């Protein structure tokens, strides 16, 4: 398959680039799934599962974080301590409060 790239407009080239990126990503995903299936078969032949050997649990999702801190002005406004600090938490610290004072 040969494409004359010099005859394509900029829009066509960008569209082609996007299609190629999607095709590459899809190809890599398919190869990974094929390899995992192949390794799973080998592990099953030895009496194990691939997930058991790697510690991966397929389909496992993380449970939501438990709230550790609450906004003193609004107890329904909570934060788990993970990720970016909420504004109310930063403002409370700036006013001299300690994280322990805001703990639930």
Protein backbone atom coordinates (compact mmCIF):
# COMPACT_ATOMS: atom_id res chain seq x y z
CA UNK A 1 0.00 0.00 0.00
CA UNK A 2 1.55 3.22 -1.10
CA UNK A 3 0.12 6.65 -0.36
CA UNK A 4 1.37 9.80 -2.06
CA UNK A 5 1.72 11.97 1.05
CA UNK A 6 2.79 15.00 -0.96
CA UNK A 7 -0.60 15.17 -2.65
CA UNK A 8 -2.55 15.27 0.64
CA UNK A 9 -3.71 18.46 2.35
CA UNK A 10 -2.71 19.27 5.92
CA UNK A 11 -6.16 18.23 7.16
CA UNK A 12 -5.89 14.89 5.32
CA UNK A 13 -2.41 14.31 6.72
CA UNK A 14 -3.61 14.99 10.29
CA UNK A 15 -6.60 12.69 9.77
CA UNK A 16 -4.27 9.99 8.48
CA UNK A 17 -1.95 10.54 11.45
CA UNK A 18 -4.88 10.12 13.85
CA UNK A 19 -6.01 6.93 12.12
CA UNK A 20 -2.47 5.52 12.27
CA UNK A 21 -2.18 6.31 16.00
CA UNK A 22 -5.49 4.53 16.68
CA UNK A 23 -4.43 1.54 14.59
CA UNK A 24 -1.12 1.28 16.46
CA UNK A 25 -2.85 1.49 19.84
CA UNK A 26 -5.40 -1.13 18.82
CA UNK A 27 -2.67 -3.41 17.54
CA UNK A 28 -0.72 -3.16 20.79
CA UNK A 29 -3.85 -3.85 22.85
CA UNK A 30 -4.67 -6.93 20.76
CA UNK A 31 -1.11 -8.25 21.09
CA UNK A 32 -1.17 -7.76 24.87
CA UNK A 33 -4.48 -9.61 25.19
CA UNK A 34 -3.17 -12.45 23.01
CA UNK A 35 -0.01 -12.72 25.11
CA UNK A 36 -1.95 -12.69 28.39
CA UNK A 37 -4.23 -15.45 27.06
CA UNK A 38 -1.18 -17.47 25.98
CA UNK A 39 0.52 -17.03 29.35
CA UNK A 40 -2.72 -17.93 31.12
CA UNK A 41 -2.87 -21.20 29.18
CA UNK A 42 0.72 -22.01 30.14
CA UNK A 43 0.00 -21.21 33.80
CA UNK A 44 -3.17 -23.37 33.75
CA UNK A 45 -1.16 -26.26 32.34
CA UNK A 46 1.10 -25.96 35.40
CA UNK A 47 -1.83 -25.72 37.82
CA UNK A 48 -1.94 -21.96 38.33
CA UNK A 49 -3.72 -18.96 36.89
CA UNK A 50 -1.90 -16.05 35.32
CA UNK A 51 -3.63 -13.65 37.71
CA UNK A 52 -2.52 -15.76 40.66
CA UNK A 53 1.11 -15.67 39.52
CA UNK A 54 1.20 -11.95 38.81
CA UNK A 55 -0.97 -10.83 41.70
CA UNK A 56 -3.38 -9.21 39.26
CA UNK A 57 -7.05 -9.69 39.84
CA UNK A 58 -8.99 -9.21 36.61
CA UNK A 59 -11.89 -6.82 36.84
CA UNK A 60 -10.96 -5.69 40.32
CA UNK A 61 -11.71 -2.08 40.97
CA UNK A 62 -10.59 0.04 43.84
CA UNK A 63 -13.11 0.93 46.46
CA UNK A 64 -13.62 4.62 47.20
CA UNK A 65 -11.31 6.17 49.77
CA UNK A 66 -12.57 6.64 53.28
CA UNK A 67 -12.92 10.24 54.39
CA UNK A 68 -10.36 11.29 57.01
CA UNK A 69 -11.03 15.02 57.28
CA UNK A 70 -14.20 17.11 57.44
CA UNK A 71 -14.80 20.79 56.82
CA UNK A 72 -15.70 22.38 60.18
CA UNK A 73 -18.15 24.73 58.42
CA UNK A 74 -19.89 21.90 56.55
CA UNK A 75 -19.49 18.36 57.89
CA UNK A 76 -20.74 16.91 54.60
CA UNK A 77 -17.65 18.36 52.88
CA UNK A 78 -14.96 15.71 53.44
CA UNK A 79 -11.53 14.76 52.11
CA UNK A 80 -9.73 11.40 52.17
CA UNK A 81 -6.25 12.87 52.46
CA UNK A 82 -5.39 11.73 48.94
CA UNK A 83 -4.92 13.94 45.95
CA UNK A 84 -5.07 17.69 45.88
CA UNK A 85 -5.95 19.43 49.15
CA UNK A 86 -9.36 21.07 49.13
CA UNK A 87 -9.43 24.83 49.55
CA UNK A 88 -11.20 24.62 52.92
CA UNK A 89 -8.43 22.34 54.24
CA UNK A 90 -5.62 24.67 53.06
CA UNK A 91 -7.43 27.72 54.46
CA UNK A 92 -7.92 26.01 57.83
CA UNK A 93 -4.21 25.18 57.99
CA UNK A 94 -3.36 28.79 57.11
CA UNK A 95 -5.58 29.95 60.02
CA UNK A 96 -3.47 27.85 62.39
CA UNK A 97 -5.48 24.62 62.58
CA UNK A 98 -3.68 21.32 62.55
CA UNK A 99 -4.71 18.34 60.37
CA UNK A 100 -5.62 16.50 63.58
CA UNK A 101 -8.17 19.25 64.37
CA UNK A 102 -9.96 18.51 61.09
CA UNK A 103 -9.84 14.73 61.43
CA UNK A 104 -13.11 12.84 61.55
